Amino acid sequence: MTRVYSSPDWIMVQTFKSVLDSYGIPCEVQGEYRSSAMGEVPPTECWTELWVLDDRRVEEARTILAHPEHEPLHEQPSTICGRCGERIEGPFDRCWKCGTARPVEADGKEIR
């Protein structure tokens, strides 16, 4: 088990965990409650940490985290809502305007 990221921003650590989860890299967040010790210990000791559980995937995880903007979580094209005609952007499964689900073909593939 190896630490690959730490930050005082708990939300960022959770976001990076979601990124690694999307690649199937087993990881866990540690130190979520350390902020309560702030002022008693050095600030960096209170940061939330992201640990990769499989040491064979540490370098892969570090590469992904170094360039998350280049690696989309789910690369899906936009589509048009069949009910109201609004564009449903790639990562969303429902229309933001009317709530209709993204169209799906009989074989389970999304209609583009």
PDB file of N, CA and C in Angstrom:
ATOM      1  N   MET A   1       0.852  -1.169   0.000  1.00  0.00           N
ATOM      2  CA  MET A   1       0.000   0.000   0.000  1.00  0.00           C
ATOM      3  C   MET A   1       0.903   1.240   0.000  1.00  0.00           C
ATOM      4  N   THR A   2       0.606   2.192  -0.919  1.00  0.00           N
ATOM      5  CA  THR A   2       1.455   3.367  -1.080  1.00  0.00           C
ATOM      6  C   THR A   2       0.614   4.635  -1.192  1.00  0.00           C
ATOM      7  N   ARG A   3       1.045   5.681  -0.492  1.00  0.00           N
ATOM      8  CA  ARG A   3       0.365   6.966  -0.598  1.00  0.00           C
ATOM      9  C   ARG A   3       0.753   7.618  -1.925  1.00  0.00           C
ATOM     10  N   VAL A   4      -0.269   8.070  -2.681  1.00  0.00           N
ATOM     11  CA  VAL A   4      -0.009   8.700  -3.970  1.00  0.00           C
ATOM     12  C   VAL A   4      -0.427  10.164  -4.016  1.00  0.00           C
ATOM     13  N   TYR A   5      -1.162  10.609  -3.013  1.00  0.00           N
ATOM     14  CA  TYR A   5      -1.618  11.994  -3.020  1.00  0.00           C
ATOM     15  C   TYR A   5      -2.058  12.382  -1.614  1.00  0.00           C
ATOM     16  N   SER A   6      -1.814  13.645  -1.255  1.00  0.00           N
ATOM     17  CA  SER A   6      -2.348  14.187  -0.007  1.00  0.00           C
ATOM     18  C   SER A   6      -2.662  15.657  -0.213  1.00  0.00           C
ATOM     19  N   SER A   7      -3.651  16.145   0.526  1.00  0.00           N
ATOM     20  CA  SER A   7      -4.091  17.525   0.353  1.00  0.00           C
ATOM     21  C   SER A   7      -4.905  17.959   1.564  1.00  0.00           C
ATOM     22  N   PRO A   8      -4.893  19.266   1.849  1.00  0.00           N
ATOM     23  CA  PRO A   8      -5.780  19.764   2.894  1.00  0.00           C
ATOM     24  C   PRO A   8      -7.230  19.824   2.401  1.00  0.00           C
ATOM     25  N   ASP A   9      -7.415  19.671   1.081  1.00  0.00           N
ATOM     26  CA  ASP A   9      -8.737  19.729   0.464  1.00  0.00           C
ATOM     27  C   ASP A   9      -9.328  18.320   0.356  1.00  0.00           C
ATOM     28  N   TRP A  10     -10.184  17.973   1.285  1.00  0.00           N
ATOM     29  CA  TRP A  10     -10.796  16.632   1.347  1.00  0.00           C
ATOM     30  C   TRP A  10     -11.549  16.316   0.052  1.00  0.00           C
ATOM     31  N   ILE A  11     -12.203  17.317  -0.517  1.00  0.00           N
ATOM     32  CA  ILE A  11     -12.981  17.095  -1.740  1.00  0.00           C
ATOM     33  C   ILE A  11     -12.072  16.701  -2.901  1.00  0.00           C
ATOM     34  N   MET A  12     -10.904  17.318  -2.998  1.00  0.00           N
ATOM     35  CA  MET A  12      -9.973  16.974  -4.074  1.00  0.00           C
ATOM     36  C   MET A  12      -9.485  15.538  -3.938  1.00  0.00           C
ATOM     37  N   VAL A  13      -9.212  15.122  -2.712  1.00  0.00           N
ATOM     38  CA  VAL A  13      -8.776  13.736  -2.491  1.00  0.00           C
ATOM     39  C   VAL A  13      -9.880  12.779  -2.921  1.00  0.00           C
ATOM     40  N   GLN A  14     -11.123  13.079  -2.570  1.00  0.00           N
ATOM     41  CA  GLN A  14     -12.245  12.222  -2.967  1.00  0.00           C
ATOM     42  C   GLN A  14     -12.418  12.215  -4.490  1.00  0.00           C
ATOM     43  N   THR A  15     -12.205  13.358  -5.123  1.00  0.00           N
ATOM     44  CA  THR A  15     -12.304  13.435  -6.580  1.00  0.00           C
ATOM     45  C   THR A  15     -11.245  12.550  -7.234  1.00  0.00           C
ATOM     46  N   PHE A  16     -10.010  12.641  -6.746  1.00  0.00           N
ATOM     47  CA  PHE A  16      -8.952  11.797  -7.301  1.00  0.00           C
ATOM     48  C   PHE A  16      -9.209  10.322  -7.018  1.00  0.00           C
ATOM     49  N   LYS A  17      -9.823  10.006  -5.900  1.00  0.00           N
ATOM     50  CA  LYS A  17     -10.195   8.608  -5.624  1.00  0.00           C
ATOM     51  C   LYS A  17     -11.187   8.128  -6.687  1.00  0.00           C
ATOM     52  N   SER A  18     -12.160   8.976  -7.022  1.00  0.00           N
ATOM     53  CA  SER A  18     -13.133   8.617  -8.057  1.00  0.00           C
ATOM     54  C   SER A  18     -12.459   8.393  -9.405  1.00  0.00           C
ATOM     55  N   VAL A  19     -11.450   9.217  -9.720  1.00  0.00           N
ATOM     56  CA  VAL A  19     -10.715   9.047 -10.976  1.00  0.00           C
ATOM     57  C   VAL A  19     -10.034   7.683 -10.993  1.00  0.00           C
ATOM     58  N   LEU A  20      -9.316   7.357  -9.911  1.00  0.00           N
ATOM     59  CA  LEU A  20      -8.624   6.062  -9.870  1.00  0.00           C
ATOM     60  C   LEU A  20      -9.621   4.904  -9.863  1.00  0.00           C
ATOM     61  N   ASP A  21     -10.747   5.062  -9.178  1.00  0.00           N
ATOM     62  CA  ASP A  21     -11.790   4.033  -9.197  1.00  0.00           C
ATOM     63  C   ASP A  21     -12.264   3.770 -10.616  1.00  0.00           C
ATOM     64  N   SER A  22     -12.385   4.831 -11.429  1.00  0.00           N
ATOM     65  CA  SER A  22     -12.863   4.661 -12.801  1.00  0.00           C
ATOM     66  C   SER A  22     -11.882   3.860 -13.656  1.00  0.00           C
ATOM     67  N   TYR A  23     -10.622   3.803 -13.256  1.00  0.00           N
ATOM     68  CA  TYR A  23      -9.605   2.998 -13.931  1.00  0.00           C
ATOM     69  C   TYR A  23      -9.453   1.617 -13.300  1.00  0.00           C
ATOM     70  N   GLY A  24     -10.254   1.337 -12.292  1.00  0.00           N
ATOM     71  CA  GLY A  24     -10.167   0.040 -11.632  1.00  0.00           C
ATOM     72  C   GLY A  24      -8.951  -0.094 -10.734  1.00  0.00           C
ATOM     73  N   ILE A  25      -8.397   1.010 -10.275  1.00  0.00           N
ATOM     74  CA  ILE A  25      -7.235   0.973  -9.383  1.00  0.00           C
ATOM     75  C   ILE A  25      -7.736   0.998  -7.952  1.00  0.00           C
ATOM     76  N   PRO A  26      -7.548  -0.084  -7.208  1.00  0.00           N
ATOM     77  CA  PRO A  26      -8.043  -0.113  -5.827  1.00  0.00           C
ATOM     78  C   PRO A  26      -7.299   0.892  -4.950  1.00  0.00           C
ATOM     79  N   CYS A  27      -8.065   1.732  -4.266  1.00  0.00           N
ATOM     80  CA  CYS A  27      -7.462   2.758  -3.423  1.00  0.00           C
ATOM     81  C   CYS A  27      -8.399   3.087  -2.266  1.00  0.00           C
ATOM     82  N   GLU A  28      -7.845   3.788  -1.276  1.00  0.00           N
ATOM     83  CA  GLU A  28      -8.662   4.211  -0.152  1.00  0.00           C
ATOM     84  C   GLU A  28      -8.184   5.562   0.363  1.00  0.00           C
ATOM     85  N   VAL A  29      -9.105   6.266   1.000  1.00  0.00           N
ATOM     86  CA  VAL A  29      -8.814   7.571   1.593  1.00  0.00           C
ATOM     87  C   VAL A  29      -8.537   7.355   3.070  1.00  0.00           C
ATOM     88  N   GLN A  30      -7.509   8.008   3.564  1.00  0.00           N
ATOM     89  CA  GLN A  30      -7.161   7.926   4.986  1.00  0.00           C
ATOM     90  C   GLN A  30      -6.987   9.336   5.549  1.00  0.00           C
ATOM     91  N   GLY A  31      -7.229   9.473   6.826  1.00  0.00           N
ATOM     92  CA  GLY A  31      -6.996  10.735   7.513  1.00  0.00           C
ATOM     93  C   GLY A  31      -8.085  11.767   7.340  1.00  0.00           C
ATOM     94  N   GLU A  32      -9.298  11.320   7.054  1.00  0.00           N
ATOM     95  CA  GLU A  32     -10.394  12.257   6.815  1.00  0.00           C
ATOM     96  C   GLU A  32     -10.710  13.138   8.031  1.00  0.00           C
ATOM     97  N   TYR A  33     -10.385  12.662   9.219  1.00  0.00           N
ATOM     98  CA  TYR A  33     -10.752  13.391  10.437  1.00  0.00           C
ATOM     99  C   TYR A  33      -9.558  14.041  11.122  1.00  0.00           C
ATOM    100  N   ARG A  34      -8.439  14.068  10.455  1.00  0.00           N
ATOM    101  CA  ARG A  34      -7.237  14.653  11.053  1.00  0.00           C
ATOM    102  C   ARG A  34      -7.323  16.169  11.225  1.00  0.00           C
ATOM    103  N   SER A  35      -8.187  16.811  10.471  1.00  0.00           N
ATOM    104  CA  SER A  35      -8.264  18.274  10.541  1.00  0.00           C
ATOM    105  C   SER A  35      -8.611  18.747  11.953  1.00  0.00           C
ATOM    106  N   SER A  36      -9.213  17.894  12.747  1.00  0.00           N
ATOM    107  CA  SER A  36      -9.543  18.274  14.124  1.00  0.00           C
ATOM    108  C   SER A  36      -8.277  18.483  14.961  1.00  0.00           C
ATOM    109  N   ALA A  37      -7.138  17.965  14.504  1.00  0.00           N
ATOM    110  CA  ALA A  37      -5.869  18.139  15.225  1.00  0.00           C
ATOM    111  C   ALA A  37      -5.104  19.374  14.763  1.00  0.00           C
ATOM    112  N   MET A  38      -5.673  20.125  13.817  1.00  0.00           N
ATOM    113  CA  MET A  38      -5.009  21.306  13.287  1.00  0.00           C
ATOM    114  C   MET A  38      -4.646  22.265  14.420  1.00  0.00           C
ATOM    115  N   GLY A  39      -3.427  22.732  14.419  1.00  0.00           N
ATOM    116  CA  GLY A  39      -2.938  23.620  15.465  1.00  0.00           C
ATOM    117  C   GLY A  39      -2.157  22.878  16.530  1.00  0.00           C
ATOM    118  N   GLU A  40      -2.439  21.601  16.675  1.00  0.00           N
ATOM    119  CA  GLU A  40      -1.737  20.771  17.655  1.00  0.00           C
ATOM    120  C   GLU A  40      -0.535  20.062  17.030  1.00  0.00           C
ATOM    121  N   VAL A  41      -0.635  19.798  15.723  1.00  0.00           N
ATOM    122  CA  VAL A  41       0.432  19.108  14.990  1.00  0.00           C
ATOM    123  C   VAL A  41       0.734  19.915  13.722  1.00  0.00           C
ATOM    124  N   PRO A  42       1.841  19.655  13.044  1.00  0.00           N
ATOM    125  CA  PRO A  42       2.150  20.380  11.800  1.00  0.00           C
ATOM    126  C   PRO A  42       1.006  20.242  10.784  1.00  0.00           C
ATOM    127  N   PRO A  43       0.726  21.298  10.029  1.00  0.00           N
ATOM    128  CA  PRO A  43      -0.407  21.289   9.102  1.00  0.00           C
ATOM    129  C   PRO A  43      -0.419  20.117   8.124  1.00  0.00           C
ATOM    130  N   THR A  44       0.738  19.771   7.548  1.00  0.00           N
ATOM    131  CA  THR A  44       0.750  18.681   6.565  1.00  0.00           C
ATOM    132  C   THR A  44       0.431  17.330   7.190  1.00  0.00           C
ATOM    133  N   GLU A  45       0.564  17.211   8.490  1.00  0.00           N
ATOM    134  CA  GLU A  45       0.208  15.965   9.182  1.00  0.00           C
ATOM    135  C   GLU A  45      -1.302  15.809   9.303  1.00  0.00           C
ATOM    136  N   CYS A  46      -2.033  16.876   9.018  1.00  0.00           N
ATOM    137  CA  CYS A  46      -3.495  16.863   9.127  1.00  0.00           C
ATOM    138  C   CYS A  46      -4.189  16.660   7.788  1.00  0.00           C
ATOM    139  N   TRP A  47      -3.419  16.544   6.726  1.00  0.00           N
ATOM    140  CA  TRP A  47      -4.000  16.423   5.395  1.00  0.00           C
ATOM    141  C   TRP A  47      -4.617  15.051   5.172  1.00  0.00           C
ATOM    142  N   THR A  48      -5.647  15.014   4.335  1.00  0.00           N
ATOM    143  CA  THR A  48      -6.270  13.767   3.907  1.00  0.00           C
ATOM    144  C   THR A  48      -5.375  13.129   2.841  1.00  0.00           C
ATOM    145  N   GLU A  49      -5.286  11.804   2.861  1.00  0.00           N
ATOM    146  CA  GLU A  49      -4.372  11.086   1.964  1.00  0.00           C
ATOM    147  C   GLU A  49      -5.116  10.069   1.109  1.00  0.00           C
ATOM    148  N   LEU A  50      -4.580   9.834  -0.080  1.00  0.00           N
ATOM    149  CA  LEU A  50      -5.094   8.808  -0.984  1.00  0.00           C
ATOM    150  C   LEU A  50      -4.026   7.742  -1.144  1.00  0.00           C
ATOM    151  N   TRP A  51      -4.385   6.514  -0.835  1.00  0.00           N
ATOM    152  CA  TRP A  51      -3.453   5.387  -0.879  1.00  0.00           C
ATOM    153  C   TRP A  51      -3.901   4.376  -1.918  1.00  0.00           C
ATOM    154  N   VAL A  52      -2.975   3.902  -2.740  1.00  0.00           N
ATOM    155  CA  VAL A  52      -3.227   2.821  -3.702  1.00  0.00           C
ATOM    156  C   VAL A  52      -2.921   1.508  -2.998  1.00  0.00           C
ATOM    157  N   LEU A  53      -3.851   0.577  -3.071  1.00  0.00           N
ATOM    158  CA  LEU A  53      -3.721  -0.682  -2.335  1.00  0.00           C
ATOM    159  C   LEU A  53      -2.824  -1.697  -3.034  1.00  0.00           C
ATOM    160  N   ASP A  54      -2.736  -1.620  -4.356  1.00  0.00           N
ATOM    161  CA  ASP A  54      -1.917  -2.556  -5.137  1.00  0.00           C
ATOM    162  C   ASP A  54      -0.639  -1.835  -5.571  1.00  0.00           C
ATOM    163  N   ASP A  55       0.476  -2.177  -4.950  1.00  0.00           N
ATOM    164  CA  ASP A  55       1.739  -1.490  -5.246  1.00  0.00           C
ATOM    165  C   ASP A  55       2.164  -1.608  -6.708  1.00  0.00           C
ATOM    166  N   ARG A  56       1.669  -2.609  -7.417  1.00  0.00           N
ATOM    167  CA  ARG A  56       2.014  -2.756  -8.833  1.00  0.00           C
ATOM    168  C   ARG A  56       1.361  -1.685  -9.696  1.00  0.00           C
ATOM    169  N   ARG A  57       0.367  -0.960  -9.153  1.00  0.00           N
ATOM    170  CA  ARG A  57      -0.353   0.045  -9.939  1.00  0.00           C
ATOM    171  C   ARG A  57      -0.058   1.478  -9.484  1.00  0.00           C
ATOM    172  N   VAL A  58       0.942   1.632  -8.619  1.00  0.00           N
ATOM    173  CA  VAL A  58       1.272   2.949  -8.081  1.00  0.00           C
ATOM    174  C   VAL A  58       1.715   3.910  -9.175  1.00  0.00           C
ATOM    175  N   GLU A  59       2.622   3.487 -10.044  1.00  0.00           N
ATOM    176  CA  GLU A  59       3.113   4.380 -11.105  1.00  0.00           C
ATOM    177  C   GLU A  59       1.992   4.754 -12.070  1.00  0.00           C
ATOM    178  N   GLU A  60       1.136   3.801 -12.392  1.00  0.00           N
ATOM    179  CA  GLU A  60      -0.016   4.085 -13.249  1.00  0.00           C
ATOM    180  C   GLU A  60      -0.909   5.143 -12.587  1.00  0.00           C
ATOM    181  N   ALA A  61      -1.166   4.979 -11.298  1.00  0.00           N
ATOM    182  CA  ALA A  61      -1.994   5.944 -10.565  1.00  0.00           C
ATOM    183  C   ALA A  61      -1.357   7.326 -10.560  1.00  0.00           C
ATOM    184  N   ARG A  62      -0.070   7.388 -10.320  1.00  0.00           N
ATOM    185  CA  ARG A  62       0.625   8.688 -10.303  1.00  0.00           C
ATOM    186  C   ARG A  62       0.572   9.369 -11.670  1.00  0.00           C
ATOM    187  N   THR A  63       0.698   8.596 -12.723  1.00  0.00           N
ATOM    188  CA  THR A  63       0.617   9.154 -14.071  1.00  0.00           C
ATOM    189  C   THR A  63      -0.772   9.721 -14.335  1.00  0.00           C
ATOM    190  N   ILE A  64      -1.789   8.994 -13.967  1.00  0.00           N
ATOM    191  CA  ILE A  64      -3.170   9.448 -14.158  1.00  0.00           C
ATOM    192  C   ILE A  64      -3.426  10.719 -13.352  1.00  0.00           C
ATOM    193  N   LEU A  65      -2.989  10.733 -12.105  1.00  0.00           N
ATOM    194  CA  LEU A  65      -3.231  11.895 -11.249  1.00  0.00           C
ATOM    195  C   LEU A  65      -2.422  13.114 -11.676  1.00  0.00           C
ATOM    196  N   ALA A  66      -1.307  12.888 -12.340  1.00  0.00           N
ATOM    197  CA  ALA A  66      -0.491  14.004 -12.815  1.00  0.00           C
ATOM    198  C   ALA A  66      -1.147  14.720 -13.993  1.00  0.00           C
ATOM    199  N   HIS A  67      -2.004  14.016 -14.737  1.00  0.00           N
ATOM    200  CA  HIS A  67      -2.645  14.579 -15.918  1.00  0.00           C
ATOM    201  C   HIS A  67      -4.124  14.204 -15.979  1.00  0.00           C
ATOM    202  N   PRO A  68      -4.902  14.501 -14.939  1.00  0.00           N
ATOM    203  CA  PRO A  68      -6.305  14.071 -14.955  1.00  0.00           C
ATOM    204  C   PRO A  68      -7.130  14.733 -16.048  1.00  0.00           C
ATOM    205  N   GLU A  69      -6.746  15.931 -16.479  1.00  0.00           N
ATOM    206  CA  GLU A  69      -7.512  16.618 -17.508  1.00  0.00           C
ATOM    207  C   GLU A  69      -7.407  15.931 -18.859  1.00  0.00           C
ATOM    208  N   HIS A  70      -6.397  15.096 -19.039  1.00  0.00           N
ATOM    209  CA  HIS A  70      -6.221  14.387 -20.306  1.00  0.00           C
ATOM    210  C   HIS A  70      -6.892  13.025 -20.316  1.00  0.00           C
ATOM    211  N   GLU A  71      -7.415  12.622 -19.189  1.00  0.00           N
ATOM    212  CA  GLU A  71      -8.000  11.291 -19.073  1.00  0.00           C
ATOM    213  C   GLU A  71      -9.454  11.391 -18.608  1.00  0.00           C
ATOM    214  N   PRO A  72     -10.414  11.494 -19.539  1.00  0.00           N
ATOM    215  CA  PRO A  72     -11.808  11.608 -19.126  1.00  0.00           C
ATOM    216  C   PRO A  72     -12.277  10.349 -18.402  1.00  0.00           C
ATOM    217  N   LEU A  73     -13.124  10.545 -17.405  1.00  0.00           N
ATOM    218  CA  LEU A  73     -13.658   9.413 -16.659  1.00  0.00           C
ATOM    219  C   LEU A  73     -14.502   8.516 -17.560  1.00  0.00           C
ATOM    220  N   HIS A  74     -15.381   9.118 -18.315  1.00  0.00           N
ATOM    221  CA  HIS A  74     -16.273   8.370 -19.193  1.00  0.00           C
ATOM    222  C   HIS A  74     -16.402   9.160 -20.487  1.00  0.00           C
ATOM    223  N   GLU A  75     -15.770   8.659 -21.511  1.00  0.00           N
ATOM    224  CA  GLU A  75     -15.790   9.375 -22.774  1.00  0.00           C
ATOM    225  C   GLU A  75     -17.046   8.981 -23.539  1.00  0.00           C
ATOM    226  N   GLN A  76     -18.052   9.842 -23.501  1.00  0.00           N
ATOM    227  CA  GLN A  76     -19.308   9.604 -24.188  1.00  0.00           C
ATOM    228  C   GLN A  76     -19.637  10.842 -25.008  1.00  0.00           C
ATOM    229  N   PRO A  77     -20.155  10.650 -26.195  1.00  0.00           N
ATOM    230  CA  PRO A  77     -20.539  11.806 -26.994  1.00  0.00           C
ATOM    231  C   PRO A  77     -21.842  12.413 -26.477  1.00  0.00           C
ATOM    232  N   SER A  78     -22.084  13.645 -26.870  1.00  0.00           N
ATOM    233  CA  SER A  78     -23.360  14.279 -26.559  1.00  0.00           C
ATOM    234  C   SER A  78     -24.440  13.652 -27.417  1.00  0.00           C
ATOM    235  N   THR A  79     -25.678  13.768 -26.972  1.00  0.00           N
ATOM    236  CA  THR A  79     -26.818  13.299 -27.748  1.00  0.00           C
ATOM    237  C   THR A  79     -27.952  14.293 -27.561  1.00  0.00           C
ATOM    238  N   ILE A  80     -29.021  14.133 -28.300  1.00  0.00           N
ATOM    239  CA  ILE A  80     -30.159  15.044 -28.227  1.00  0.00           C
ATOM    240  C   ILE A  80     -31.304  14.335 -27.510  1.00  0.00           C
ATOM    241  N   CYS A  81     -31.935  15.040 -26.566  1.00  0.00           N
ATOM    242  CA  CYS A  81     -33.069  14.495 -25.830  1.00  0.00           C
ATOM    243  C   CYS A  81     -34.233  14.288 -26.798  1.00  0.00           C
ATOM    244  N   GLY A  82     -34.803  13.087 -26.783  1.00  0.00           N
ATOM    245  CA  GLY A  82     -35.920  12.770 -27.658  1.00  0.00           C
ATOM    246  C   GLY A  82     -37.218  13.446 -27.243  1.00  0.00           C
ATOM    247  N   ARG A  83     -37.286  13.926 -26.030  1.00  0.00           N
ATOM    248  CA  ARG A  83     -38.522  14.553 -25.536  1.00  0.00           C
ATOM    249  C   ARG A  83     -38.556  16.059 -25.794  1.00  0.00           C
ATOM    250  N   CYS A  84     -37.468  16.763 -25.403  1.00  0.00           N
ATOM    251  CA  CYS A  84     -37.504  18.230 -25.504  1.00  0.00           C
ATOM    252  C   CYS A  84     -36.493  18.809 -26.496  1.00  0.00           C
ATOM    253  N   GLY A  85     -35.608  17.969 -27.031  1.00  0.00           N
ATOM    254  CA  GLY A  85     -34.650  18.434 -28.022  1.00  0.00           C
ATOM    255  C   GLY A  85     -33.396  19.083 -27.452  1.00  0.00           C
ATOM    256  N   GLU A  86     -33.259  19.108 -26.131  1.00  0.00           N
ATOM    257  CA  GLU A  86     -32.079  19.701 -25.494  1.00  0.00           C
ATOM    258  C   GLU A  86     -30.889  18.748 -25.638  1.00  0.00           C
ATOM    259  N   ARG A  87     -29.675  19.301 -25.677  1.00  0.00           N
ATOM    260  CA  ARG A  87     -28.465  18.483 -25.785  1.00  0.00           C
ATOM    261  C   ARG A  87     -28.148  17.861 -24.425  1.00  0.00           C
ATOM    262  N   ILE A  88     -27.887  16.543 -24.418  1.00  0.00           N
ATOM    263  CA  ILE A  88     -27.437  15.835 -23.218  1.00  0.00           C
ATOM    264  C   ILE A  88     -25.943  15.626 -23.393  1.00  0.00           C
ATOM    265  N   GLU A  89     -25.151  16.312 -22.562  1.00  0.00           N
ATOM    266  CA  GLU A  89     -23.696  16.241 -22.668  1.00  0.00           C
ATOM    267  C   GLU A  89     -23.194  14.858 -22.265  1.00  0.00           C
ATOM    268  N   GLY A  90     -22.010  14.506 -22.762  1.00  0.00           N
ATOM    269  CA  GLY A  90     -21.410  13.190 -22.592  1.00  0.00           C
ATOM    270  C   GLY A  90     -21.543  12.497 -21.254  1.00  0.00           C
ATOM    271  N   PRO A  91     -21.114  13.111 -20.130  1.00  0.00           N
ATOM    272  CA  PRO A  91     -21.103  12.366 -18.874  1.00  0.00           C
ATOM    273  C   PRO A  91     -22.473  12.220 -18.205  1.00  0.00           C
ATOM    274  N   PHE A  92     -23.504  12.875 -18.726  1.00  0.00           N
ATOM    275  CA  PHE A  92     -24.804  12.849 -18.058  1.00  0.00           C
ATOM    276  C   PHE A  92     -25.717  11.789 -18.648  1.00  0.00           C
ATOM    277  N   ASP A  93     -26.512  11.149 -17.792  1.00  0.00           N
ATOM    278  CA  ASP A  93     -27.403  10.098 -18.261  1.00  0.00           C
ATOM    279  C   ASP A  93     -28.847  10.569 -18.373  1.00  0.00           C
ATOM    280  N   ARG A  94     -29.110  11.831 -18.023  1.00  0.00           N
ATOM    281  CA  ARG A  94     -30.445  12.407 -18.101  1.00  0.00           C
ATOM    282  C   ARG A  94     -30.380  13.825 -18.654  1.00  0.00           C
ATOM    283  N   CYS A  95     -31.476  14.233 -19.258  1.00  0.00           N
ATOM    284  CA  CYS A  95     -31.590  15.600 -19.754  1.00  0.00           C
ATOM    285  C   CYS A  95     -31.717  16.553 -18.571  1.00  0.00           C
ATOM    286  N   TRP A  96     -30.943  17.621 -18.579  1.00  0.00           N
ATOM    287  CA  TRP A  96     -30.984  18.585 -17.480  1.00  0.00           C
ATOM    288  C   TRP A  96     -32.288  19.380 -17.484  1.00  0.00           C
ATOM    289  N   LYS A  97     -32.929  19.485 -18.648  1.00  0.00           N
ATOM    290  CA  LYS A  97     -34.121  20.322 -18.773  1.00  0.00           C
ATOM    291  C   LYS A  97     -35.408  19.582 -18.385  1.00  0.00           C
ATOM    292  N   CYS A  98     -35.584  18.361 -18.881  1.00  0.00           N
ATOM    293  CA  CYS A  98     -36.858  17.658 -18.621  1.00  0.00           C
ATOM    294  C   CYS A  98     -36.698  16.365 -17.816  1.00  0.00           C
ATOM    295  N   GLY A  99     -35.440  15.919 -17.594  1.00  0.00           N
ATOM    296  CA  GLY A  99     -35.217  14.726 -16.780  1.00  0.00           C
ATOM    297  C   GLY A  99     -35.331  13.405 -17.512  1.00  0.00           C
ATOM    298  N   THR A 100     -35.560  13.449 -18.816  1.00  0.00           N
ATOM    299  CA  THR A 100     -35.668  12.223 -19.603  1.00  0.00           C
ATOM    300  C   THR A 100     -34.314  11.527 -19.682  1.00  0.00           C
ATOM    301  N   ALA A 101     -34.329  10.185 -19.570  1.00  0.00           N
ATOM    302  CA  ALA A 101     -33.093   9.409 -19.639  1.00  0.00           C
ATOM    303  C   ALA A 101     -32.503   9.487 -21.040  1.00  0.00           C
ATOM    304  N   ARG A 102     -31.161   9.383 -21.100  1.00  0.00           N
ATOM    305  CA  ARG A 102     -30.451   9.359 -22.377  1.00  0.00           C
ATOM    306  C   ARG A 102     -30.993   8.186 -23.197  1.00  0.00           C
ATOM    307  N   PRO A 103     -31.252   8.380 -24.495  1.00  0.00           N
ATOM    308  CA  PRO A 103     -31.769   7.293 -25.331  1.00  0.00           C
ATOM    309  C   PRO A 103     -30.803   6.106 -25.394  1.00  0.00           C
ATOM    310  N   VAL A 104     -31.352   4.897 -25.335  1.00  0.00           N
ATOM    311  CA  VAL A 104     -30.550   3.678 -25.395  1.00  0.00           C
ATOM    312  C   VAL A 104     -31.160   2.742 -26.428  1.00  0.00           C
ATOM    313  N   GLU A 105     -30.303   2.125 -27.253  1.00  0.00           N
ATOM    314  CA  GLU A 105     -30.762   1.161 -28.248  1.00  0.00           C
ATOM    315  C   GLU A 105     -31.101  -0.166 -27.567  1.00  0.00           C
ATOM    316  N   ALA A 106     -31.733  -1.065 -28.287  1.00  0.00           N
ATOM    317  CA  ALA A 106     -32.137  -2.358 -27.731  1.00  0.00           C
ATOM    318  C   ALA A 106     -30.942  -3.189 -27.250  1.00  0.00           C
ATOM    319  N   ASP A 107     -29.767  -3.041 -27.889  1.00  0.00           N
ATOM    320  CA  ASP A 107     -28.600  -3.818 -27.484  1.00  0.00           C
ATOM    321  C   ASP A 107     -27.861  -3.194 -26.315  1.00  0.00           C
ATOM    322  N   GLY A 108     -28.390  -2.098 -25.778  1.00  0.00           N
ATOM    323  CA  GLY A 108     -27.779  -1.456 -24.623  1.00  0.00           C
ATOM    324  C   GLY A 108     -26.823  -0.333 -24.951  1.00  0.00           C
ATOM    325  N   LYS A 109     -26.529  -0.128 -26.231  1.00  0.00           N
ATOM    326  CA  LYS A 109     -25.622   0.960 -26.624  1.00  0.00           C
ATOM    327  C   LYS A 109     -26.405   2.258 -26.705  1.00  0.00           C
ATOM    328  N   GLU A 110     -25.731   3.340 -26.378  1.00  0.00           N
ATOM    329  CA  GLU A 110     -26.383   4.643 -26.442  1.00  0.00           C
ATOM    330  C   GLU A 110     -26.568   5.067 -27.889  1.00  0.00           C
ATOM    331  N   ILE A 111     -27.678   5.716 -28.157  1.00  0.00           N
ATOM    332  CA  ILE A 111     -27.921   6.281 -29.477  1.00  0.00           C
ATOM    333  C   ILE A 111     -27.139   7.576 -29.565  1.00  0.00           C
ATOM    334  N   ARG A 112     -26.451   7.770 -30.645  1.00  0.00           N
ATOM    335  CA  ARG A 112     -25.641   8.979 -30.814  1.00  0.00           C
ATOM    336  C   ARG A 112     -26.326   9.947 -31.735  1.00  0.00           C
TER     337      ARG A 112
END
